[in-house]
Amino acid sequence: MGVTITRNTTLPDNSEKSDFHNLVDTATTTVSITEAGTVSGSAITGLANLPSAAGIIPVVNIETVPWTDYFATSTIVGWSAGKTGTIYYKKIGKTVFVNYSITGTSDSVNTTFTVPYTNVNVVTFSAGYALDNTSTTNFGGISMAANGAVVTLFSTLTATWTASGTKTVYGQFWFEATA
């Protein structure tokens, strides 16, 4: 299996540990411990009593974090009342992934929607599809201000929209949340 387990040694935090510690993966095989070991005489029952030298311990399995539809909750600007679509998000640690698709009749030159988390850094990039005034398609621009939760959409990299006709946007982006 390519794994070496050393028992009864001292870990980097200089406290004596017994049972499973000092694992060295000598191959590219996934290693898992199915028995609880001991840390300072206590059984490992959760993340709270792991030694600080344990390194980064993932808190969540990214495959089991569900996508959540935020469309009904989001404040969406730029379409009349008949708009349809989805705004899905998935938060893993501090990273928020967003997948959006909105279509309807344009009623504003400004187009925005909100997300449930505040952004740490400024996000500005071209991503996604933009249909402006029924027939003009472009790669649309996306922007989020630092410390904000409003996503601004552009019909091109920086252009506003036509306030009539069909407006459709869809794409994906991600950002670092403040918490």
N, C-alpha and C. Protein backbone atom coordinates (compact mmCIF):
# COMPACT_ATOMS: atom_id res chain seq x y z
N MET A 1 0.82 -1.19 0.00
CA MET A 1 0.00 0.00 0.00
C MET A 1 0.85 1.24 0.00
N GLY A 2 2.09 1.17 0.38
CA GLY A 2 2.98 2.32 0.29
C GLY A 2 2.89 3.27 1.45
N VAL A 3 2.47 2.85 2.63
CA VAL A 3 2.32 3.73 3.79
C VAL A 3 3.16 3.20 4.93
N THR A 4 3.87 4.12 5.62
CA THR A 4 4.63 3.75 6.79
C THR A 4 3.97 4.36 8.01
N ILE A 5 3.68 3.55 9.02
CA ILE A 5 3.11 4.05 10.27
C ILE A 5 4.12 3.82 11.37
N THR A 6 4.51 4.91 12.05
CA THR A 6 5.47 4.81 13.14
C THR A 6 4.73 5.05 14.44
N ARG A 7 4.92 4.19 15.41
CA ARG A 7 4.23 4.30 16.70
C ARG A 7 5.16 4.83 17.77
N ASN A 8 4.57 5.50 18.76
CA ASN A 8 5.28 5.95 19.96
C ASN A 8 6.47 6.85 19.65
N THR A 9 6.24 7.86 18.85
CA THR A 9 7.28 8.86 18.59
C THR A 9 6.75 10.22 19.03
N THR A 10 7.60 11.22 18.99
CA THR A 10 7.21 12.57 19.38
C THR A 10 6.88 13.36 18.12
N LEU A 11 5.72 14.01 18.15
CA LEU A 11 5.30 14.82 17.01
C LEU A 11 5.91 16.22 17.09
N PRO A 12 5.77 17.01 16.01
CA PRO A 12 6.40 18.33 15.97
C PRO A 12 6.01 19.26 17.11
N ASP A 13 4.86 19.05 17.76
CA ASP A 13 4.49 19.94 18.86
C ASP A 13 5.10 19.47 20.19
N ASN A 14 6.02 18.51 20.14
CA ASN A 14 6.79 17.98 21.27
C ASN A 14 5.95 17.26 22.33
N SER A 15 4.71 16.96 22.05
CA SER A 15 3.94 16.18 23.01
C SER A 15 3.92 14.72 22.54
N GLU A 16 3.99 13.83 23.47
CA GLU A 16 4.04 12.42 23.12
C GLU A 16 2.66 11.93 22.72
N LYS A 17 2.59 11.24 21.63
CA LYS A 17 1.35 10.69 21.13
C LYS A 17 1.53 9.18 20.97
N SER A 18 0.42 8.46 21.01
CA SER A 18 0.51 7.04 20.71
C SER A 18 -0.54 6.69 19.68
N ASP A 19 -0.45 5.52 19.17
CA ASP A 19 -1.28 4.99 18.11
C ASP A 19 -0.96 5.69 16.79
N PHE A 20 -1.96 6.06 16.01
CA PHE A 20 -1.72 6.48 14.64
C PHE A 20 -1.22 7.92 14.57
N HIS A 21 0.01 8.09 14.14
CA HIS A 21 0.58 9.40 13.89
C HIS A 21 1.82 9.20 13.04
N ASN A 22 2.38 10.25 12.60
CA ASN A 22 3.58 10.22 11.78
C ASN A 22 3.38 9.35 10.55
N LEU A 23 2.22 9.46 9.89
CA LEU A 23 1.96 8.73 8.66
C LEU A 23 2.77 9.34 7.54
N VAL A 24 3.43 8.52 6.78
CA VAL A 24 4.19 8.96 5.63
C VAL A 24 3.66 8.21 4.43
N ASP A 25 3.07 8.92 3.49
CA ASP A 25 2.55 8.29 2.29
C ASP A 25 3.71 8.15 1.31
N THR A 26 4.10 6.93 1.04
CA THR A 26 5.24 6.70 0.14
C THR A 26 4.78 6.35 -1.26
N ALA A 27 3.50 6.48 -1.53
CA ALA A 27 2.95 6.21 -2.86
C ALA A 27 1.84 7.23 -3.12
N THR A 28 1.16 7.07 -4.21
CA THR A 28 0.05 7.96 -4.51
C THR A 28 -1.27 7.31 -4.14
N THR A 29 -1.26 6.49 -3.14
CA THR A 29 -2.45 5.78 -2.68
C THR A 29 -3.16 6.60 -1.61
N THR A 30 -4.49 6.57 -1.63
CA THR A 30 -5.25 7.24 -0.60
C THR A 30 -5.16 6.45 0.69
N VAL A 31 -4.90 7.13 1.80
CA VAL A 31 -4.76 6.49 3.09
C VAL A 31 -5.94 6.91 3.96
N SER A 32 -6.51 5.95 4.67
CA SER A 32 -7.54 6.32 5.63
C SER A 32 -7.36 5.51 6.89
N ILE A 33 -7.63 6.15 8.02
CA ILE A 33 -7.54 5.49 9.32
C ILE A 33 -8.96 5.22 9.76
N THR A 34 -9.26 3.98 10.06
CA THR A 34 -10.63 3.64 10.43
C THR A 34 -10.80 3.43 11.92
N GLU A 35 -9.73 3.46 12.68
CA GLU A 35 -9.80 3.35 14.13
C GLU A 35 -9.40 4.67 14.76
N ALA A 36 -9.99 5.00 15.87
CA ALA A 36 -9.59 6.21 16.58
C ALA A 36 -8.26 5.96 17.26
N GLY A 37 -7.35 6.90 17.14
CA GLY A 37 -6.08 6.83 17.84
C GLY A 37 -6.19 7.63 19.12
N THR A 38 -5.09 7.95 19.73
CA THR A 38 -5.13 8.75 20.94
C THR A 38 -4.29 9.99 20.78
N VAL A 39 -4.71 11.06 21.38
CA VAL A 39 -3.98 12.32 21.42
C VAL A 39 -3.96 12.74 22.88
N SER A 40 -2.77 12.78 23.45
CA SER A 40 -2.63 13.13 24.87
C SER A 40 -3.58 12.33 25.75
N GLY A 41 -3.73 11.05 25.45
CA GLY A 41 -4.54 10.16 26.26
C GLY A 41 -6.02 10.20 25.97
N SER A 42 -6.49 11.06 25.04
CA SER A 42 -7.91 11.13 24.72
C SER A 42 -8.15 10.56 23.32
N ALA A 43 -9.28 9.91 23.14
CA ALA A 43 -9.62 9.39 21.81
C ALA A 43 -9.89 10.55 20.86
N ILE A 44 -9.52 10.37 19.59
CA ILE A 44 -9.83 11.37 18.58
C ILE A 44 -11.30 11.19 18.22
N THR A 45 -12.13 12.12 18.62
CA THR A 45 -13.56 12.03 18.35
C THR A 45 -14.04 13.14 17.43
N GLY A 46 -13.21 14.07 17.13
CA GLY A 46 -13.59 15.17 16.25
C GLY A 46 -12.38 16.02 15.96
N LEU A 47 -12.57 17.11 15.23
CA LEU A 47 -11.47 17.98 14.85
C LEU A 47 -10.94 18.80 16.01
N ALA A 48 -11.73 18.98 17.08
CA ALA A 48 -11.35 19.87 18.17
C ALA A 48 -10.12 19.38 18.93
N ASN A 49 -9.91 18.08 19.04
CA ASN A 49 -8.78 17.61 19.83
C ASN A 49 -7.64 17.06 18.99
N LEU A 50 -7.55 17.47 17.73
CA LEU A 50 -6.39 17.12 16.92
C LEU A 50 -5.24 18.07 17.28
N PRO A 51 -4.01 17.59 17.27
CA PRO A 51 -2.89 18.48 17.58
C PRO A 51 -2.72 19.54 16.50
N SER A 52 -2.18 20.68 16.88
CA SER A 52 -2.00 21.78 15.92
C SER A 52 -1.06 21.39 14.80
N ALA A 53 -0.20 20.43 15.00
CA ALA A 53 0.74 20.00 13.97
C ALA A 53 0.08 19.10 12.93
N ALA A 54 -1.21 18.83 13.08
CA ALA A 54 -1.89 17.93 12.14
C ALA A 54 -2.01 18.52 10.74
N GLY A 55 -1.85 19.82 10.59
CA GLY A 55 -1.94 20.44 9.27
C GLY A 55 -3.38 20.77 8.91
N ILE A 56 -3.62 20.92 7.63
CA ILE A 56 -4.95 21.29 7.15
C ILE A 56 -5.82 20.04 7.10
N ILE A 57 -6.94 20.09 7.78
CA ILE A 57 -7.89 18.99 7.80
C ILE A 57 -9.15 19.46 7.08
N PRO A 58 -9.54 18.82 5.97
CA PRO A 58 -10.76 19.25 5.30
C PRO A 58 -11.97 19.06 6.19
N VAL A 59 -12.85 20.07 6.21
CA VAL A 59 -14.03 20.03 7.07
C VAL A 59 -15.21 19.40 6.33
N VAL A 60 -15.19 19.43 5.01
CA VAL A 60 -16.35 18.98 4.25
C VAL A 60 -15.89 18.20 3.03
N ASN A 61 -16.66 17.24 2.64
CA ASN A 61 -16.41 16.52 1.40
C ASN A 61 -17.05 17.32 0.28
N ILE A 62 -16.23 17.84 -0.64
CA ILE A 62 -16.76 18.74 -1.67
C ILE A 62 -17.77 18.06 -2.59
N GLU A 63 -17.74 16.76 -2.66
CA GLU A 63 -18.70 16.06 -3.51
C GLU A 63 -20.10 16.04 -2.91
N THR A 64 -20.22 16.27 -1.60
CA THR A 64 -21.53 16.22 -0.97
C THR A 64 -22.13 17.59 -0.68
N VAL A 65 -21.42 18.66 -0.99
CA VAL A 65 -21.98 20.01 -0.81
C VAL A 65 -22.96 20.26 -1.95
N PRO A 66 -24.22 20.51 -1.64
CA PRO A 66 -25.21 20.67 -2.71
C PRO A 66 -25.16 22.06 -3.35
N TRP A 67 -25.61 22.15 -4.60
CA TRP A 67 -25.86 23.43 -5.24
C TRP A 67 -27.19 23.95 -4.71
N THR A 68 -27.26 25.23 -4.39
CA THR A 68 -28.47 25.84 -3.86
C THR A 68 -28.99 26.87 -4.85
N ASP A 69 -30.28 26.81 -5.19
CA ASP A 69 -30.87 27.78 -6.11
C ASP A 69 -31.25 29.04 -5.32
N TYR A 70 -30.66 30.17 -5.68
CA TYR A 70 -30.86 31.44 -4.99
C TYR A 70 -31.74 32.40 -5.81
N PHE A 71 -32.24 31.95 -6.96
CA PHE A 71 -32.98 32.82 -7.87
C PHE A 71 -34.14 33.54 -7.19
N ALA A 72 -34.97 32.82 -6.45
CA ALA A 72 -36.15 33.41 -5.82
C ALA A 72 -35.79 34.41 -4.72
N THR A 73 -34.62 34.27 -4.11
CA THR A 73 -34.19 35.14 -3.00
C THR A 73 -33.40 36.35 -3.49
N SER A 74 -32.69 36.19 -4.58
CA SER A 74 -31.80 37.23 -5.11
C SER A 74 -32.60 38.47 -5.52
N THR A 75 -31.98 39.65 -5.34
CA THR A 75 -32.54 40.89 -5.88
C THR A 75 -32.00 41.02 -7.30
N ILE A 76 -32.88 40.88 -8.27
CA ILE A 76 -32.49 40.85 -9.68
C ILE A 76 -33.01 42.12 -10.35
N VAL A 77 -32.11 42.88 -10.99
CA VAL A 77 -32.46 44.14 -11.64
C VAL A 77 -32.14 44.04 -13.12
N GLY A 78 -33.05 44.54 -13.97
CA GLY A 78 -32.77 44.62 -15.40
C GLY A 78 -33.78 43.92 -16.27
N TRP A 79 -34.72 43.22 -15.65
CA TRP A 79 -35.75 42.51 -16.39
C TRP A 79 -37.12 42.90 -15.85
N SER A 80 -38.13 42.79 -16.71
CA SER A 80 -39.49 43.00 -16.23
C SER A 80 -39.92 41.79 -15.42
N ALA A 81 -41.13 41.81 -14.92
CA ALA A 81 -41.62 40.79 -13.99
C ALA A 81 -41.61 39.37 -14.56
N GLY A 82 -41.58 39.18 -15.86
CA GLY A 82 -41.67 37.85 -16.44
C GLY A 82 -40.35 37.11 -16.60
N LYS A 83 -39.32 37.54 -15.90
CA LYS A 83 -38.02 36.88 -16.07
C LYS A 83 -38.05 35.45 -15.52
N THR A 84 -37.21 34.58 -16.08
CA THR A 84 -37.06 33.20 -15.60
C THR A 84 -35.59 32.89 -15.50
N GLY A 85 -35.26 31.85 -14.74
CA GLY A 85 -33.86 31.44 -14.68
C GLY A 85 -33.48 30.75 -13.41
N THR A 86 -32.19 30.65 -13.21
CA THR A 86 -31.61 30.05 -12.02
C THR A 86 -30.35 30.82 -11.62
N ILE A 87 -30.10 30.87 -10.34
CA ILE A 87 -28.83 31.37 -9.81
C ILE A 87 -28.43 30.34 -8.76
N TYR A 88 -27.57 29.43 -9.14
CA TYR A 88 -27.11 28.39 -8.22
C TYR A 88 -25.78 28.80 -7.61
N TYR A 89 -25.59 28.47 -6.33
CA TYR A 89 -24.30 28.69 -5.69
C TYR A 89 -23.92 27.46 -4.87
N LYS A 90 -22.62 27.31 -4.67
CA LYS A 90 -22.06 26.25 -3.83
C LYS A 90 -20.88 26.86 -3.10
N LYS A 91 -20.88 26.77 -1.77
CA LYS A 91 -19.79 27.34 -0.96
C LYS A 91 -18.98 26.20 -0.36
N ILE A 92 -17.68 26.21 -0.65
CA ILE A 92 -16.75 25.22 -0.10
C ILE A 92 -15.64 26.00 0.58
N GLY A 93 -15.57 25.90 1.89
CA GLY A 93 -14.64 26.74 2.64
C GLY A 93 -15.05 28.18 2.45
N LYS A 94 -14.14 29.03 1.96
CA LYS A 94 -14.46 30.43 1.70
C LYS A 94 -14.70 30.69 0.21
N THR A 95 -14.60 29.66 -0.62
CA THR A 95 -14.79 29.83 -2.06
C THR A 95 -16.25 29.60 -2.42
N VAL A 96 -16.83 30.58 -3.12
CA VAL A 96 -18.22 30.49 -3.55
C VAL A 96 -18.23 30.36 -5.07
N PHE A 97 -18.87 29.30 -5.56
CA PHE A 97 -19.04 29.07 -6.99
C PHE A 97 -20.46 29.48 -7.36
N VAL A 98 -20.62 30.19 -8.48
CA VAL A 98 -21.94 30.66 -8.91
C VAL A 98 -22.14 30.24 -10.36
N ASN A 99 -23.33 29.70 -10.63
CA ASN A 99 -23.74 29.30 -11.97
C ASN A 99 -25.10 29.96 -12.21
N TYR A 100 -25.21 30.85 -13.20
CA TYR A 100 -26.43 31.63 -13.38
C TYR A 100 -26.95 31.54 -14.81
N SER A 101 -28.26 31.71 -14.94
CA SER A 101 -28.94 31.76 -16.23
C SER A 101 -30.24 32.53 -16.02
N ILE A 102 -30.36 33.70 -16.68
CA ILE A 102 -31.54 34.54 -16.53
C ILE A 102 -31.97 35.03 -17.92
N THR A 103 -33.25 34.98 -18.19
CA THR A 103 -33.76 35.49 -19.47
C THR A 103 -35.11 36.16 -19.25
N GLY A 104 -35.42 37.10 -20.14
CA GLY A 104 -36.71 37.80 -20.06
C GLY A 104 -36.65 39.08 -20.87
N THR A 105 -37.63 39.93 -20.67
CA THR A 105 -37.70 41.22 -21.38
C THR A 105 -36.92 42.26 -20.59
N SER A 106 -35.98 42.92 -21.27
CA SER A 106 -35.16 43.95 -20.64
C SER A 106 -35.99 45.19 -20.33
N ASP A 107 -35.79 45.74 -19.12
CA ASP A 107 -36.46 47.00 -18.78
C ASP A 107 -35.49 48.01 -18.18
N SER A 108 -34.18 47.76 -18.34
CA SER A 108 -33.18 48.67 -17.77
C SER A 108 -31.85 48.51 -18.50
N VAL A 109 -31.06 49.59 -18.50
CA VAL A 109 -29.71 49.50 -19.05
C VAL A 109 -28.75 48.89 -18.03
N ASN A 110 -29.17 48.82 -16.76
CA ASN A 110 -28.36 48.21 -15.70
C ASN A 110 -28.86 46.80 -15.42
N THR A 111 -27.93 45.89 -15.15
CA THR A 111 -28.30 44.50 -14.91
C THR A 111 -27.47 43.97 -13.75
N THR A 112 -28.15 43.58 -12.68
CA THR A 112 -27.46 43.08 -11.50
C THR A 112 -28.26 41.95 -10.85
N PHE A 113 -27.58 41.17 -10.04
CA PHE A 113 -28.26 40.25 -9.12
C PHE A 113 -27.39 40.10 -7.88
N THR A 114 -28.01 39.71 -6.79
CA THR A 114 -27.26 39.54 -5.54
C THR A 114 -26.99 38.07 -5.28
N VAL A 115 -25.93 37.83 -4.51
CA VAL A 115 -25.56 36.49 -4.06
C VAL A 115 -25.56 36.50 -2.53
N PRO A 116 -25.62 35.33 -1.89
CA PRO A 116 -25.78 35.31 -0.43
C PRO A 116 -24.52 35.57 0.38
N TYR A 117 -23.38 35.74 -0.26
CA TYR A 117 -22.13 35.96 0.48
C TYR A 117 -21.43 37.22 -0.01
N THR A 118 -20.70 37.87 0.90
CA THR A 118 -19.95 39.08 0.58
C THR A 118 -18.57 38.70 0.04
N ASN A 119 -18.14 39.43 -0.97
CA ASN A 119 -16.88 39.19 -1.66
C ASN A 119 -15.72 39.88 -0.94
N VAL A 120 -14.58 39.20 -0.83
CA VAL A 120 -13.39 39.79 -0.21
C VAL A 120 -12.68 40.73 -1.18
N ASN A 121 -12.47 40.30 -2.41
CA ASN A 121 -11.69 41.04 -3.39
C ASN A 121 -12.57 41.50 -4.54
N VAL A 122 -12.08 42.45 -5.32
CA VAL A 122 -12.77 42.87 -6.53
C VAL A 122 -12.68 41.75 -7.55
N VAL A 123 -13.81 41.40 -8.14
CA VAL A 123 -13.84 40.39 -9.20
C VAL A 123 -14.31 41.08 -10.46
N THR A 124 -13.50 41.08 -11.50
CA THR A 124 -13.90 41.63 -12.78
C THR A 124 -13.30 40.75 -13.87
N PHE A 125 -14.17 40.15 -14.66
CA PHE A 125 -13.68 39.33 -15.75
C PHE A 125 -14.79 39.09 -16.76
N SER A 126 -14.39 38.62 -17.92
CA SER A 126 -15.35 38.28 -18.96
C SER A 126 -15.66 36.81 -18.86
N ALA A 127 -16.90 36.51 -18.67
CA ALA A 127 -17.32 35.11 -18.63
C ALA A 127 -18.80 35.08 -18.87
N GLY A 128 -19.22 34.16 -19.64
CA GLY A 128 -20.64 34.01 -19.84
C GLY A 128 -21.12 34.54 -21.18
N TYR A 129 -22.37 34.30 -21.40
CA TYR A 129 -23.05 34.63 -22.64
C TYR A 129 -23.99 35.80 -22.38
N ALA A 130 -24.09 36.70 -23.34
CA ALA A 130 -24.98 37.85 -23.19
C ALA A 130 -25.74 38.06 -24.49
N LEU A 131 -27.08 38.05 -24.40
CA LEU A 131 -27.95 38.36 -25.53
C LEU A 131 -28.61 39.69 -25.21
N ASP A 132 -28.32 40.72 -26.03
CA ASP A 132 -28.85 42.07 -25.78
C ASP A 132 -29.81 42.46 -26.90
N ASN A 133 -31.02 42.86 -26.53
CA ASN A 133 -32.03 43.35 -27.47
C ASN A 133 -32.35 42.32 -28.55
N THR A 134 -32.57 41.10 -28.15
CA THR A 134 -33.07 40.00 -28.96
C THR A 134 -32.06 39.40 -29.92
N SER A 135 -31.11 40.16 -30.46
CA SER A 135 -30.29 39.59 -31.53
C SER A 135 -28.78 39.72 -31.35
N THR A 136 -28.28 40.58 -30.49
CA THR A 136 -26.84 40.79 -30.36
C THR A 136 -26.28 39.89 -29.28
N THR A 137 -25.38 39.00 -29.65
CA THR A 137 -24.77 38.12 -28.65
C THR A 137 -23.30 38.45 -28.47
N ASN A 138 -22.84 38.37 -27.24
CA ASN A 138 -21.46 38.72 -26.90
C ASN A 138 -20.99 37.86 -25.74
N PHE A 139 -19.71 37.93 -25.46
CA PHE A 139 -19.20 37.46 -24.18
C PHE A 139 -19.45 38.59 -23.20
N GLY A 140 -20.23 38.35 -22.18
CA GLY A 140 -20.60 39.40 -21.25
C GLY A 140 -19.58 39.57 -20.15
N GLY A 141 -19.49 40.78 -19.63
CA GLY A 141 -18.60 41.07 -18.52
C GLY A 141 -19.31 40.91 -17.18
N ILE A 142 -18.53 40.60 -16.16
CA ILE A 142 -19.06 40.43 -14.80
C ILE A 142 -18.16 41.22 -13.87
N SER A 143 -18.77 41.89 -12.88
CA SER A 143 -17.99 42.64 -11.90
C SER A 143 -18.65 42.52 -10.53
N MET A 144 -17.82 42.41 -9.51
CA MET A 144 -18.27 42.47 -8.11
C MET A 144 -17.31 43.37 -7.37
N ALA A 145 -17.84 44.32 -6.64
CA ALA A 145 -17.00 45.20 -5.84
C ALA A 145 -16.52 44.46 -4.59
N ALA A 146 -15.36 44.85 -4.09
CA ALA A 146 -14.86 44.28 -2.83
C ALA A 146 -15.86 44.57 -1.72
N ASN A 147 -16.03 43.62 -0.81
CA ASN A 147 -16.96 43.74 0.31
C ASN A 147 -18.40 43.92 -0.12
N GLY A 148 -18.75 43.38 -1.27
CA GLY A 148 -20.11 43.49 -1.77
C GLY A 148 -20.68 42.13 -2.13
N ALA A 149 -21.99 42.09 -2.32
CA ALA A 149 -22.68 40.87 -2.71
C ALA A 149 -23.52 41.09 -3.96
N VAL A 150 -23.24 42.19 -4.70
CA VAL A 150 -23.98 42.50 -5.92
C VAL A 150 -23.10 42.17 -7.12
N VAL A 151 -23.65 41.37 -8.03
CA VAL A 151 -22.97 41.01 -9.27
C VAL A 151 -23.52 41.91 -10.37
N THR A 152 -22.65 42.65 -11.05
CA THR A 152 -23.06 43.52 -12.15
C THR A 152 -22.69 42.83 -13.45
N LEU A 153 -23.67 42.76 -14.36
CA LEU A 153 -23.47 42.10 -15.65
C LEU A 153 -23.44 43.15 -16.75
N PHE A 154 -22.56 42.95 -17.72
CA PHE A 154 -22.43 43.88 -18.84
C PHE A 154 -22.71 43.13 -20.14
N SER A 155 -23.22 43.85 -21.16
CA SER A 155 -23.54 43.21 -22.44
C SER A 155 -22.30 42.86 -23.24
N THR A 156 -21.21 43.57 -22.99
CA THR A 156 -19.88 43.22 -23.53
C THR A 156 -18.96 43.27 -22.32
N LEU A 157 -17.70 43.54 -22.51
CA LEU A 157 -16.81 43.61 -21.35
C LEU A 157 -17.19 44.72 -20.39
N THR A 158 -17.67 45.87 -20.92
CA THR A 158 -18.00 46.99 -20.02
C THR A 158 -19.27 47.74 -20.42
N ALA A 159 -19.97 47.35 -21.48
CA ALA A 159 -21.11 48.12 -21.98
C ALA A 159 -22.39 47.80 -21.22
N THR A 160 -23.26 48.82 -21.10
CA THR A 160 -24.58 48.61 -20.50
C THR A 160 -25.49 47.95 -21.53
N TRP A 161 -26.74 47.76 -21.15
CA TRP A 161 -27.69 47.01 -21.94
C TRP A 161 -28.69 47.94 -22.65
N THR A 162 -29.43 47.38 -23.61
CA THR A 162 -30.57 48.06 -24.21
C THR A 162 -31.76 47.79 -23.30
N ALA A 163 -32.59 48.80 -23.04
CA ALA A 163 -33.70 48.66 -22.10
C ALA A 163 -34.98 48.15 -22.78
N SER A 164 -34.81 47.28 -23.79
CA SER A 164 -35.96 46.68 -24.45
C SER A 164 -35.50 45.39 -25.13
N GLY A 165 -36.46 44.61 -25.58
CA GLY A 165 -36.13 43.36 -26.25
C GLY A 165 -35.75 42.27 -25.24
N THR A 166 -35.38 41.13 -25.78
CA THR A 166 -35.01 40.01 -24.94
C THR A 166 -33.59 40.17 -24.42
N LYS A 167 -33.42 39.94 -23.14
CA LYS A 167 -32.10 39.96 -22.50
C LYS A 167 -31.88 38.58 -21.88
N THR A 168 -30.75 37.93 -22.22
CA THR A 168 -30.40 36.62 -21.67
C THR A 168 -28.94 36.64 -21.25
N VAL A 169 -28.69 36.13 -20.07
CA VAL A 169 -27.31 35.99 -19.59
C VAL A 169 -27.15 34.60 -18.97
N TYR A 170 -25.99 34.02 -19.16
CA TYR A 170 -25.65 32.83 -18.41
C TYR A 170 -24.15 32.65 -18.37
N GLY A 171 -23.69 32.03 -17.31
CA GLY A 171 -22.26 31.83 -17.14
C GLY A 171 -21.95 31.29 -15.74
N GLN A 172 -20.66 31.28 -15.44
CA GLN A 172 -20.16 30.80 -14.14
C GLN A 172 -19.02 31.68 -13.68
N PHE A 173 -18.88 31.82 -12.37
CA PHE A 173 -17.74 32.51 -11.78
C PHE A 173 -17.59 32.05 -10.36
N TRP A 174 -16.52 32.47 -9.72
CA TRP A 174 -16.27 32.14 -8.32
C TRP A 174 -15.58 33.30 -7.65
N PHE A 175 -15.69 33.35 -6.32
CA PHE A 175 -15.05 34.41 -5.56
C PHE A 175 -14.77 33.93 -4.15
N GLU A 176 -13.91 34.67 -3.45
CA GLU A 176 -13.61 34.38 -2.06
C GLU A 176 -14.56 35.17 -1.16
N ALA A 177 -15.27 34.46 -0.31
CA ALA A 177 -16.21 35.11 0.62
C ALA A 177 -15.47 35.61 1.85
N THR A 178 -16.06 36.61 2.52
CA THR A 178 -15.43 37.17 3.72
C THR A 178 -15.51 36.20 4.89
N ALA A 179 -16.48 35.32 4.91
CA ALA A 179 -16.61 34.33 6.00
C ALA A 179 -17.19 33.05 5.48
